[in-house]
Amino acid sequence: RNRIARLHANGILDEGFIPETGAGATVHSLALQPNGKVLVTRDSRYDGTNFHNISRLNADGTKDAGFLPGTGADGEALVLALRADGDIFVGGSFTTVRGMVRPNVVRLHGDALPFLGSARSNGMLTLSWPISAGNFRLQEAANVLAPASWNPTAQAAVTNGSHVSVTVPTTGAMKFFRLQSQ
């Protein structure tokens, strides 16, 4: 176990958590997500792959190839905090994350959101996303200024081939839409 291991509540090593070659340098912070995945801040590498100071492991200790921090942080990522909606907060001694200026603190979204397609026809708006993206639901709000009040759309989602779609009327007040992981 190279710099990372998981223990059961009784302190015994969890043999099912196999971190392959492990962290390539000092691990600064860990955070357990509700889905069992583990966020890690550390110096530059995990299991031989450069994750630019931020990475995520699957529940079995293998690296999560679906977690894509891009260019990551240009300096040390030292601490993590999770918000109930899945957002990840990272603090450290960096000035940019993913090429954007974010001195010392950044908020990341826990999972990449799928592309939300739209098509308008005959007074209706159809919003769709790929089934392969996972379990998402469409939400709407009348205003996105803080604090936004997001609610599930009244219209039901339907599966149509390889996509999930929701069709909403374009009449009435303006609305904003987003996908929320379930």
N, C-alpha and C. Protein backbone atom coordinates (compact mmCIF):
# COMPACT_ATOMS: atom_id res chain seq x y z
N ARG A 1 0.86 -1.18 0.00
CA ARG A 1 0.00 0.00 0.00
C ARG A 1 0.90 1.23 0.00
N ASN A 2 1.03 1.84 -1.13
CA ASN A 2 1.93 2.98 -1.28
C ASN A 2 1.20 4.28 -0.95
N ARG A 3 1.31 4.73 0.29
CA ARG A 3 0.80 6.01 0.77
C ARG A 3 -0.72 6.10 0.90
N ILE A 4 -1.45 5.03 0.63
CA ILE A 4 -2.90 5.10 0.77
C ILE A 4 -3.46 3.71 1.07
N ALA A 5 -4.35 3.64 2.05
CA ALA A 5 -5.00 2.38 2.42
C ALA A 5 -6.35 2.73 3.03
N ARG A 6 -7.23 1.75 3.11
CA ARG A 6 -8.52 1.94 3.77
C ARG A 6 -8.62 0.94 4.91
N LEU A 7 -9.10 1.43 6.05
CA LEU A 7 -9.29 0.57 7.22
C LEU A 7 -10.78 0.41 7.48
N HIS A 8 -11.16 -0.76 7.98
CA HIS A 8 -12.53 -0.98 8.43
C HIS A 8 -12.73 -0.19 9.73
N ALA A 9 -13.97 -0.06 10.17
CA ALA A 9 -14.28 0.68 11.40
C ALA A 9 -13.53 0.13 12.61
N ASN A 10 -13.18 -1.17 12.58
CA ASN A 10 -12.45 -1.77 13.70
C ASN A 10 -10.94 -1.61 13.58
N GLY A 11 -10.47 -0.88 12.55
CA GLY A 11 -9.05 -0.62 12.39
C GLY A 11 -8.29 -1.64 11.57
N ILE A 12 -8.96 -2.68 11.12
CA ILE A 12 -8.30 -3.72 10.32
C ILE A 12 -8.24 -3.28 8.86
N LEU A 13 -7.12 -3.56 8.21
CA LEU A 13 -6.91 -3.21 6.81
C LEU A 13 -7.99 -3.82 5.92
N ASP A 14 -8.58 -3.01 5.05
CA ASP A 14 -9.57 -3.48 4.08
C ASP A 14 -8.82 -4.05 2.88
N GLU A 15 -8.78 -5.37 2.79
CA GLU A 15 -8.05 -6.05 1.71
C GLU A 15 -8.73 -5.86 0.36
N GLY A 16 -9.99 -5.43 0.34
CA GLY A 16 -10.71 -5.20 -0.91
C GLY A 16 -10.39 -3.87 -1.57
N PHE A 17 -9.73 -3.00 -0.83
CA PHE A 17 -9.32 -1.70 -1.36
C PHE A 17 -7.89 -1.86 -1.85
N ILE A 18 -7.74 -1.98 -3.16
CA ILE A 18 -6.43 -2.27 -3.75
C ILE A 18 -6.01 -1.09 -4.61
N PRO A 19 -5.18 -0.20 -4.07
CA PRO A 19 -4.82 1.02 -4.78
C PRO A 19 -3.75 0.86 -5.86
N GLU A 20 -3.65 -0.32 -6.46
CA GLU A 20 -2.69 -0.58 -7.53
C GLU A 20 -1.30 -0.13 -7.09
N THR A 21 -0.65 0.77 -7.81
CA THR A 21 0.69 1.21 -7.38
C THR A 21 0.62 2.33 -6.36
N GLY A 22 -0.58 2.87 -6.11
CA GLY A 22 -0.75 3.87 -5.07
C GLY A 22 -0.40 5.28 -5.48
N ALA A 23 -0.35 6.14 -4.48
CA ALA A 23 -0.03 7.55 -4.70
C ALA A 23 1.46 7.70 -4.90
N GLY A 24 1.85 8.50 -5.86
CA GLY A 24 3.26 8.67 -6.17
C GLY A 24 3.97 9.63 -5.24
N ALA A 25 3.24 10.29 -4.36
CA ALA A 25 3.85 11.25 -3.44
C ALA A 25 2.89 11.46 -2.27
N THR A 26 3.18 12.42 -1.45
CA THR A 26 2.41 12.68 -0.23
C THR A 26 0.93 12.90 -0.52
N VAL A 27 0.07 12.19 0.22
CA VAL A 27 -1.38 12.41 0.16
C VAL A 27 -1.70 13.48 1.19
N HIS A 28 -2.37 14.54 0.76
CA HIS A 28 -2.69 15.64 1.67
C HIS A 28 -4.08 15.51 2.28
N SER A 29 -5.07 15.07 1.48
CA SER A 29 -6.44 15.06 1.95
C SER A 29 -7.24 13.99 1.22
N LEU A 30 -8.22 13.42 1.92
CA LEU A 30 -9.13 12.43 1.35
C LEU A 30 -10.55 12.84 1.68
N ALA A 31 -11.49 12.53 0.79
CA ALA A 31 -12.91 12.76 1.07
C ALA A 31 -13.71 11.63 0.44
N LEU A 32 -14.61 11.06 1.22
CA LEU A 32 -15.45 9.96 0.74
C LEU A 32 -16.76 10.53 0.20
N GLN A 33 -17.06 10.24 -1.06
CA GLN A 33 -18.32 10.67 -1.66
C GLN A 33 -19.41 9.66 -1.33
N PRO A 34 -20.69 10.07 -1.38
CA PRO A 34 -21.78 9.16 -1.05
C PRO A 34 -21.82 7.89 -1.91
N ASN A 35 -21.27 7.96 -3.13
CA ASN A 35 -21.27 6.79 -4.03
C ASN A 35 -20.11 5.84 -3.74
N GLY A 36 -19.34 6.10 -2.68
CA GLY A 36 -18.23 5.23 -2.30
C GLY A 36 -16.90 5.58 -2.94
N LYS A 37 -16.91 6.56 -3.85
CA LYS A 37 -15.65 6.97 -4.48
C LYS A 37 -14.89 7.88 -3.53
N VAL A 38 -13.56 7.90 -3.69
CA VAL A 38 -12.69 8.63 -2.78
C VAL A 38 -11.93 9.71 -3.54
N LEU A 39 -12.09 10.95 -3.11
CA LEU A 39 -11.32 12.05 -3.69
C LEU A 39 -10.00 12.16 -2.96
N VAL A 40 -8.95 12.47 -3.71
CA VAL A 40 -7.60 12.52 -3.15
C VAL A 40 -6.92 13.80 -3.63
N THR A 41 -6.33 14.54 -2.70
CA THR A 41 -5.40 15.60 -3.10
C THR A 41 -4.02 15.13 -2.68
N ARG A 42 -3.08 15.29 -3.59
CA ARG A 42 -1.73 14.82 -3.33
C ARG A 42 -0.79 15.47 -4.33
N ASP A 43 0.46 15.15 -4.19
CA ASP A 43 1.47 15.68 -5.10
C ASP A 43 1.46 14.89 -6.40
N SER A 44 0.90 15.41 -7.40
CA SER A 44 0.97 15.08 -8.82
C SER A 44 0.57 13.73 -9.38
N ARG A 45 0.87 12.58 -8.81
CA ARG A 45 0.60 11.33 -9.52
C ARG A 45 -0.17 10.32 -8.67
N TYR A 46 -0.96 9.48 -9.35
CA TYR A 46 -1.59 8.33 -8.69
C TYR A 46 -1.55 7.17 -9.67
N ASP A 47 -1.08 6.06 -9.23
CA ASP A 47 -0.98 4.85 -10.04
C ASP A 47 -0.30 5.13 -11.38
N GLY A 48 0.75 5.93 -11.35
CA GLY A 48 1.53 6.19 -12.55
C GLY A 48 0.93 7.19 -13.51
N THR A 49 -0.23 7.76 -13.17
CA THR A 49 -0.89 8.72 -14.04
C THR A 49 -0.86 10.09 -13.39
N ASN A 50 -0.54 11.12 -14.18
CA ASN A 50 -0.51 12.48 -13.66
C ASN A 50 -1.94 13.01 -13.58
N PHE A 51 -2.40 13.30 -12.38
CA PHE A 51 -3.74 13.85 -12.19
C PHE A 51 -3.69 15.30 -11.71
N HIS A 52 -2.55 15.91 -11.79
CA HIS A 52 -2.43 17.33 -11.47
C HIS A 52 -2.99 17.67 -10.09
N ASN A 53 -2.61 16.88 -9.10
CA ASN A 53 -2.89 17.15 -7.70
C ASN A 53 -4.29 16.79 -7.20
N ILE A 54 -5.20 16.46 -8.09
CA ILE A 54 -6.56 16.10 -7.69
C ILE A 54 -6.95 14.84 -8.45
N SER A 55 -7.42 13.82 -7.72
CA SER A 55 -7.87 12.61 -8.41
C SER A 55 -9.02 11.99 -7.64
N ARG A 56 -9.63 10.98 -8.25
CA ARG A 56 -10.71 10.26 -7.59
C ARG A 56 -10.50 8.77 -7.81
N LEU A 57 -10.73 8.01 -6.76
CA LEU A 57 -10.59 6.56 -6.81
C LEU A 57 -11.97 5.91 -6.74
N ASN A 58 -12.10 4.78 -7.40
CA ASN A 58 -13.31 3.98 -7.27
C ASN A 58 -13.32 3.35 -5.88
N ALA A 59 -14.45 2.79 -5.49
CA ALA A 59 -14.58 2.19 -4.16
C ALA A 59 -13.58 1.07 -3.92
N ASP A 60 -13.06 0.46 -4.99
CA ASP A 60 -12.09 -0.64 -4.82
C ASP A 60 -10.64 -0.16 -4.82
N GLY A 61 -10.42 1.15 -4.93
CA GLY A 61 -9.06 1.70 -4.89
C GLY A 61 -8.46 1.99 -6.25
N THR A 62 -9.08 1.53 -7.33
CA THR A 62 -8.56 1.81 -8.66
C THR A 62 -8.88 3.25 -9.04
N LYS A 63 -8.06 3.83 -9.92
CA LYS A 63 -8.32 5.21 -10.32
C LYS A 63 -9.60 5.29 -11.13
N ASP A 64 -10.35 6.36 -10.94
CA ASP A 64 -11.60 6.59 -11.64
C ASP A 64 -11.28 7.33 -12.93
N ALA A 65 -11.28 6.61 -14.05
CA ALA A 65 -10.94 7.21 -15.34
C ALA A 65 -11.98 8.23 -15.79
N GLY A 66 -13.18 8.21 -15.19
CA GLY A 66 -14.22 9.16 -15.55
C GLY A 66 -14.07 10.52 -14.88
N PHE A 67 -13.19 10.61 -13.91
CA PHE A 67 -12.95 11.89 -13.23
C PHE A 67 -11.85 12.59 -13.99
N LEU A 68 -12.19 13.70 -14.64
CA LEU A 68 -11.26 14.36 -15.55
C LEU A 68 -10.94 15.77 -15.07
N PRO A 69 -9.90 15.94 -14.27
CA PRO A 69 -9.57 17.27 -13.78
C PRO A 69 -8.86 18.14 -14.82
N GLY A 70 -8.70 17.65 -16.04
CA GLY A 70 -8.03 18.43 -17.08
C GLY A 70 -6.61 18.73 -16.68
N THR A 71 -6.21 19.98 -16.82
CA THR A 71 -4.84 20.37 -16.43
C THR A 71 -4.70 20.44 -14.92
N GLY A 72 -5.81 20.32 -14.20
CA GLY A 72 -5.76 20.31 -12.74
C GLY A 72 -5.24 21.60 -12.15
N ALA A 73 -4.71 21.50 -10.95
CA ALA A 73 -4.17 22.65 -10.24
C ALA A 73 -2.69 22.82 -10.58
N ASP A 74 -2.27 24.07 -10.71
CA ASP A 74 -0.86 24.33 -11.04
C ASP A 74 0.04 24.37 -9.81
N GLY A 75 -0.51 24.07 -8.67
CA GLY A 75 0.26 23.99 -7.42
C GLY A 75 -0.37 22.93 -6.54
N GLU A 76 0.04 22.89 -5.29
CA GLU A 76 -0.46 21.86 -4.38
C GLU A 76 -1.94 22.05 -4.05
N ALA A 77 -2.70 20.96 -4.14
CA ALA A 77 -4.07 20.91 -3.65
C ALA A 77 -3.98 20.24 -2.28
N LEU A 78 -4.39 20.95 -1.24
CA LEU A 78 -4.12 20.49 0.12
C LEU A 78 -5.34 19.98 0.88
N VAL A 79 -6.51 20.58 0.66
CA VAL A 79 -7.70 20.21 1.43
C VAL A 79 -8.90 20.04 0.51
N LEU A 80 -9.86 19.23 0.97
CA LEU A 80 -11.09 18.95 0.23
C LEU A 80 -12.29 19.16 1.14
N ALA A 81 -13.40 19.58 0.54
CA ALA A 81 -14.68 19.62 1.24
C ALA A 81 -15.75 19.26 0.22
N LEU A 82 -16.75 18.50 0.65
CA LEU A 82 -17.85 18.11 -0.22
C LEU A 82 -19.12 18.82 0.20
N ARG A 83 -19.92 19.20 -0.78
CA ARG A 83 -21.22 19.79 -0.51
C ARG A 83 -22.28 18.75 -0.85
N ALA A 84 -23.43 18.83 -0.22
CA ALA A 84 -24.48 17.83 -0.40
C ALA A 84 -24.91 17.66 -1.86
N ASP A 85 -24.78 18.71 -2.69
CA ASP A 85 -25.19 18.61 -4.09
C ASP A 85 -24.13 17.96 -4.98
N GLY A 86 -23.01 17.52 -4.38
CA GLY A 86 -21.97 16.84 -5.14
C GLY A 86 -20.80 17.72 -5.52
N ASP A 87 -20.92 19.02 -5.33
CA ASP A 87 -19.80 19.90 -5.65
C ASP A 87 -18.63 19.62 -4.73
N ILE A 88 -17.44 19.84 -5.25
CA ILE A 88 -16.19 19.57 -4.54
C ILE A 88 -15.45 20.90 -4.39
N PHE A 89 -15.04 21.21 -3.18
CA PHE A 89 -14.24 22.41 -2.94
C PHE A 89 -12.82 21.96 -2.63
N VAL A 90 -11.86 22.61 -3.27
CA VAL A 90 -10.45 22.28 -3.09
C VAL A 90 -9.72 23.55 -2.70
N GLY A 91 -8.87 23.44 -1.68
CA GLY A 91 -8.04 24.56 -1.26
C GLY A 91 -6.58 24.17 -1.34
N GLY A 92 -5.72 25.14 -1.59
CA GLY A 92 -4.30 24.83 -1.67
C GLY A 92 -3.47 26.02 -2.08
N SER A 93 -2.26 25.73 -2.49
CA SER A 93 -1.34 26.79 -2.92
C SER A 93 -1.22 26.75 -4.44
N PHE A 94 -2.31 27.07 -5.12
CA PHE A 94 -2.34 27.11 -6.58
C PHE A 94 -2.93 28.44 -7.02
N THR A 95 -2.68 28.79 -8.27
CA THR A 95 -3.25 30.01 -8.83
C THR A 95 -4.24 29.72 -9.94
N THR A 96 -4.07 28.59 -10.64
CA THR A 96 -5.01 28.22 -11.69
C THR A 96 -5.44 26.76 -11.53
N VAL A 97 -6.66 26.49 -11.97
CA VAL A 97 -7.19 25.12 -12.04
C VAL A 97 -7.88 24.99 -13.39
N ARG A 98 -7.49 23.95 -14.13
CA ARG A 98 -8.02 23.73 -15.48
C ARG A 98 -7.80 24.96 -16.36
N GLY A 99 -6.68 25.66 -16.13
CA GLY A 99 -6.33 26.81 -16.93
C GLY A 99 -7.06 28.10 -16.58
N MET A 100 -7.93 28.07 -15.57
CA MET A 100 -8.67 29.26 -15.16
C MET A 100 -8.10 29.79 -13.85
N VAL A 101 -8.02 31.10 -13.74
CA VAL A 101 -7.49 31.71 -12.52
C VAL A 101 -8.44 31.43 -11.37
N ARG A 102 -7.94 30.71 -10.38
CA ARG A 102 -8.70 30.36 -9.18
C ARG A 102 -7.71 30.32 -8.02
N PRO A 103 -7.27 31.47 -7.55
CA PRO A 103 -6.23 31.48 -6.51
C PRO A 103 -6.67 30.83 -5.20
N ASN A 104 -6.04 29.70 -4.89
CA ASN A 104 -6.13 29.02 -3.60
C ASN A 104 -7.42 28.26 -3.30
N VAL A 105 -8.54 28.59 -3.94
CA VAL A 105 -9.80 27.88 -3.69
C VAL A 105 -10.54 27.71 -5.01
N VAL A 106 -11.11 26.51 -5.20
CA VAL A 106 -11.88 26.26 -6.42
C VAL A 106 -13.05 25.34 -6.09
N ARG A 107 -14.12 25.50 -6.83
CA ARG A 107 -15.26 24.58 -6.74
C ARG A 107 -15.30 23.77 -8.03
N LEU A 108 -15.36 22.45 -7.89
CA LEU A 108 -15.48 21.55 -9.03
C LEU A 108 -16.82 20.85 -8.95
N HIS A 109 -17.35 20.47 -10.08
CA HIS A 109 -18.56 19.66 -10.08
C HIS A 109 -18.12 18.21 -9.97
N GLY A 110 -18.83 17.43 -9.16
CA GLY A 110 -18.43 16.06 -8.88
C GLY A 110 -18.33 15.16 -10.08
N ASP A 111 -19.26 15.26 -11.00
CA ASP A 111 -19.24 14.46 -12.22
C ASP A 111 -19.54 15.38 -13.38
N ALA A 112 -18.92 15.08 -14.50
CA ALA A 112 -19.19 15.87 -15.70
C ALA A 112 -20.66 15.71 -16.07
N LEU A 113 -21.31 16.82 -16.34
CA LEU A 113 -22.71 16.76 -16.74
C LEU A 113 -22.80 16.42 -18.22
N PRO A 114 -23.79 15.65 -18.60
CA PRO A 114 -23.94 15.33 -20.01
C PRO A 114 -24.40 16.55 -20.79
N PHE A 115 -24.19 16.50 -22.10
CA PHE A 115 -24.66 17.57 -22.97
C PHE A 115 -26.17 17.56 -22.99
N LEU A 116 -26.77 18.73 -22.75
CA LEU A 116 -28.22 18.87 -22.77
C LEU A 116 -28.61 19.48 -24.11
N GLY A 117 -29.17 18.65 -24.98
CA GLY A 117 -29.59 19.12 -26.30
C GLY A 117 -30.96 19.74 -26.23
N SER A 118 -31.27 20.60 -27.21
CA SER A 118 -32.59 21.23 -27.23
C SER A 118 -33.07 21.37 -28.67
N ALA A 119 -34.38 21.26 -28.83
CA ALA A 119 -35.02 21.45 -30.14
C ALA A 119 -36.38 22.07 -29.89
N ARG A 120 -36.71 23.12 -30.65
CA ARG A 120 -37.98 23.81 -30.49
C ARG A 120 -38.85 23.54 -31.71
N SER A 121 -40.13 23.24 -31.45
CA SER A 121 -41.05 22.97 -32.55
C SER A 121 -42.48 23.13 -32.06
N ASN A 122 -43.28 23.87 -32.83
CA ASN A 122 -44.72 24.02 -32.56
C ASN A 122 -45.03 24.41 -31.12
N GLY A 123 -44.35 25.41 -30.59
CA GLY A 123 -44.63 25.89 -29.25
C GLY A 123 -44.14 24.98 -28.13
N MET A 124 -43.30 24.02 -28.47
CA MET A 124 -42.77 23.09 -27.46
C MET A 124 -41.24 23.08 -27.54
N LEU A 125 -40.61 22.83 -26.42
CA LEU A 125 -39.15 22.71 -26.34
C LEU A 125 -38.84 21.32 -25.83
N THR A 126 -38.05 20.57 -26.61
CA THR A 126 -37.64 19.23 -26.19
C THR A 126 -36.18 19.29 -25.76
N LEU A 127 -35.93 18.90 -24.53
CA LEU A 127 -34.58 18.85 -23.97
C LEU A 127 -34.20 17.39 -23.83
N SER A 128 -32.99 17.03 -24.27
CA SER A 128 -32.60 15.62 -24.23
C SER A 128 -31.14 15.46 -23.85
N TRP A 129 -30.83 14.28 -23.31
CA TRP A 129 -29.46 13.93 -22.92
C TRP A 129 -29.29 12.43 -23.12
N PRO A 130 -28.04 11.98 -23.31
CA PRO A 130 -27.80 10.56 -23.59
C PRO A 130 -28.07 9.66 -22.37
N ILE A 131 -28.68 8.51 -22.62
CA ILE A 131 -28.91 7.52 -21.56
C ILE A 131 -27.59 7.10 -20.94
N SER A 132 -26.56 7.01 -21.76
CA SER A 132 -25.25 6.54 -21.29
C SER A 132 -24.64 7.45 -20.23
N ALA A 133 -25.18 8.67 -20.09
CA ALA A 133 -24.64 9.61 -19.10
C ALA A 133 -24.96 9.19 -17.67
N GLY A 134 -25.93 8.31 -17.49
CA GLY A 134 -26.28 7.89 -16.14
C GLY A 134 -27.64 8.41 -15.74
N ASN A 135 -27.88 8.45 -14.44
CA ASN A 135 -29.18 8.76 -13.89
C ASN A 135 -29.31 10.24 -13.56
N PHE A 136 -29.94 11.00 -14.46
CA PHE A 136 -30.13 12.43 -14.26
C PHE A 136 -31.61 12.76 -14.36
N ARG A 137 -31.99 13.88 -13.75
CA ARG A 137 -33.36 14.38 -13.90
C ARG A 137 -33.27 15.85 -14.30
N LEU A 138 -34.28 16.29 -15.03
CA LEU A 138 -34.33 17.67 -15.48
C LEU A 138 -35.03 18.51 -14.42
N GLN A 139 -34.44 19.67 -14.11
CA GLN A 139 -35.04 20.59 -13.15
C GLN A 139 -35.24 21.94 -13.82
N GLU A 140 -36.16 22.72 -13.27
CA GLU A 140 -36.43 24.04 -13.81
C GLU A 140 -36.49 25.07 -12.68
N ALA A 141 -36.23 26.32 -13.07
CA ALA A 141 -36.33 27.44 -12.13
C ALA A 141 -36.80 28.66 -12.90
N ALA A 142 -37.53 29.52 -12.23
CA ALA A 142 -38.00 30.75 -12.86
C ALA A 142 -36.92 31.82 -12.86
N ASN A 143 -35.93 31.66 -11.98
CA ASN A 143 -34.89 32.66 -11.82
C ASN A 143 -33.62 31.95 -11.39
N VAL A 144 -32.48 32.34 -11.92
CA VAL A 144 -31.23 31.70 -11.51
C VAL A 144 -30.38 32.59 -10.61
N LEU A 145 -30.94 33.73 -10.21
CA LEU A 145 -30.22 34.58 -9.27
C LEU A 145 -30.30 33.95 -7.89
N ALA A 146 -29.28 34.15 -7.09
CA ALA A 146 -29.20 33.51 -5.77
C ALA A 146 -30.35 33.96 -4.89
N PRO A 147 -30.97 33.09 -4.13
CA PRO A 147 -30.83 31.65 -4.26
C PRO A 147 -31.83 31.12 -5.28
N ALA A 148 -31.38 30.34 -6.22
CA ALA A 148 -32.26 29.74 -7.23
C ALA A 148 -33.09 28.65 -6.57
N SER A 149 -34.32 28.54 -6.99
CA SER A 149 -35.21 27.50 -6.47
C SER A 149 -35.45 26.50 -7.59
N TRP A 150 -34.68 25.40 -7.59
CA TRP A 150 -34.77 24.38 -8.63
C TRP A 150 -35.78 23.32 -8.23
N ASN A 151 -36.67 22.99 -9.17
CA ASN A 151 -37.69 21.97 -8.94
C ASN A 151 -37.74 21.01 -10.12
N PRO A 152 -38.15 19.76 -9.88
CA PRO A 152 -38.31 18.84 -11.02
C PRO A 152 -39.33 19.39 -12.01
N THR A 153 -39.12 19.16 -13.29
CA THR A 153 -40.10 19.60 -14.28
C THR A 153 -41.40 18.81 -14.09
N ALA A 154 -42.51 19.47 -14.40
CA ALA A 154 -43.82 18.81 -14.27
C ALA A 154 -43.99 17.72 -15.32
N GLN A 155 -43.32 17.87 -16.45
CA GLN A 155 -43.45 16.90 -17.54
C GLN A 155 -42.54 15.71 -17.27
N ALA A 156 -43.02 14.54 -17.62
CA ALA A 156 -42.27 13.30 -17.38
C ALA A 156 -41.18 13.11 -18.43
N ALA A 157 -40.09 12.49 -17.99
CA ALA A 157 -39.00 12.13 -18.91
C ALA A 157 -39.37 10.84 -19.62
N VAL A 158 -39.03 10.76 -20.91
CA VAL A 158 -39.28 9.54 -21.68
C VAL A 158 -37.98 9.08 -22.32
N THR A 159 -37.84 7.78 -22.45
CA THR A 159 -36.67 7.22 -23.12
C THR A 159 -37.00 7.06 -24.59
N ASN A 160 -36.11 7.59 -25.44
CA ASN A 160 -36.34 7.56 -26.87
C ASN A 160 -35.05 7.11 -27.55
N GLY A 161 -34.92 5.80 -27.76
CA GLY A 161 -33.69 5.28 -28.36
C GLY A 161 -32.54 5.40 -27.38
N SER A 162 -31.51 6.15 -27.74
CA SER A 162 -30.32 6.29 -26.89
C SER A 162 -30.36 7.55 -26.03
N HIS A 163 -31.50 8.25 -26.02
CA HIS A 163 -31.61 9.49 -25.27
C HIS A 163 -32.82 9.48 -24.33
N VAL A 164 -32.74 10.32 -23.32
CA VAL A 164 -33.86 10.62 -22.44
C VAL A 164 -34.29 12.03 -22.82
N SER A 165 -35.60 12.27 -22.89
CA SER A 165 -36.04 13.61 -23.26
C SER A 165 -37.24 14.04 -22.43
N VAL A 166 -37.38 15.35 -22.32
CA VAL A 166 -38.52 15.97 -21.66
C VAL A 166 -38.99 17.08 -22.59
N THR A 167 -40.29 17.13 -22.86
CA THR A 167 -40.85 18.17 -23.72
C THR A 167 -41.69 19.11 -22.87
N VAL A 168 -41.38 20.39 -22.95
CA VAL A 168 -42.05 21.40 -22.14
C VAL A 168 -42.65 22.47 -23.05
N PRO A 169 -43.76 23.08 -22.65
CA PRO A 169 -44.33 24.16 -23.46
C PRO A 169 -43.47 25.42 -23.38
N THR A 170 -43.45 26.18 -24.46
CA THR A 170 -42.68 27.43 -24.47
C THR A 170 -43.54 28.63 -24.11
N THR A 171 -44.80 28.42 -23.81
CA THR A 171 -45.68 29.52 -23.41
C THR A 171 -45.51 29.81 -21.93
N GLY A 172 -45.93 30.99 -21.52
CA GLY A 172 -45.84 31.35 -20.10
C GLY A 172 -44.53 32.04 -19.77
N ALA A 173 -44.23 32.05 -18.49
CA ALA A 173 -43.04 32.76 -17.99
C ALA A 173 -41.75 32.05 -18.43
N MET A 174 -40.68 32.84 -18.48
CA MET A 174 -39.37 32.30 -18.83
C MET A 174 -38.92 31.29 -17.76
N LYS A 175 -38.25 30.23 -18.22
CA LYS A 175 -37.73 29.22 -17.30
C LYS A 175 -36.30 28.89 -17.67
N PHE A 176 -35.56 28.45 -16.68
CA PHE A 176 -34.19 27.97 -16.86
C PHE A 176 -34.19 26.48 -16.53
N PHE A 177 -33.32 25.72 -17.22
CA PHE A 177 -33.29 24.28 -17.03
C PHE A 177 -31.88 23.82 -16.71
N ARG A 178 -31.78 22.74 -15.93
CA ARG A 178 -30.50 22.10 -15.64
C ARG A 178 -30.73 20.62 -15.40
N LEU A 179 -29.65 19.84 -15.54
CA LEU A 179 -29.68 18.43 -15.19
C LEU A 179 -29.11 18.27 -13.80
N GLN A 180 -29.75 17.42 -13.01
CA GLN A 180 -29.30 17.14 -11.65
C GLN A 180 -29.10 15.64 -11.53
N SER A 181 -27.94 15.24 -11.02
CA SER A 181 -27.67 13.82 -10.80
C SER A 181 -28.59 13.29 -9.72
N GLN A 182 -29.11 12.07 -9.92
CA GLN A 182 -30.01 11.48 -8.93
C GLN A 182 -29.27 10.52 -8.04
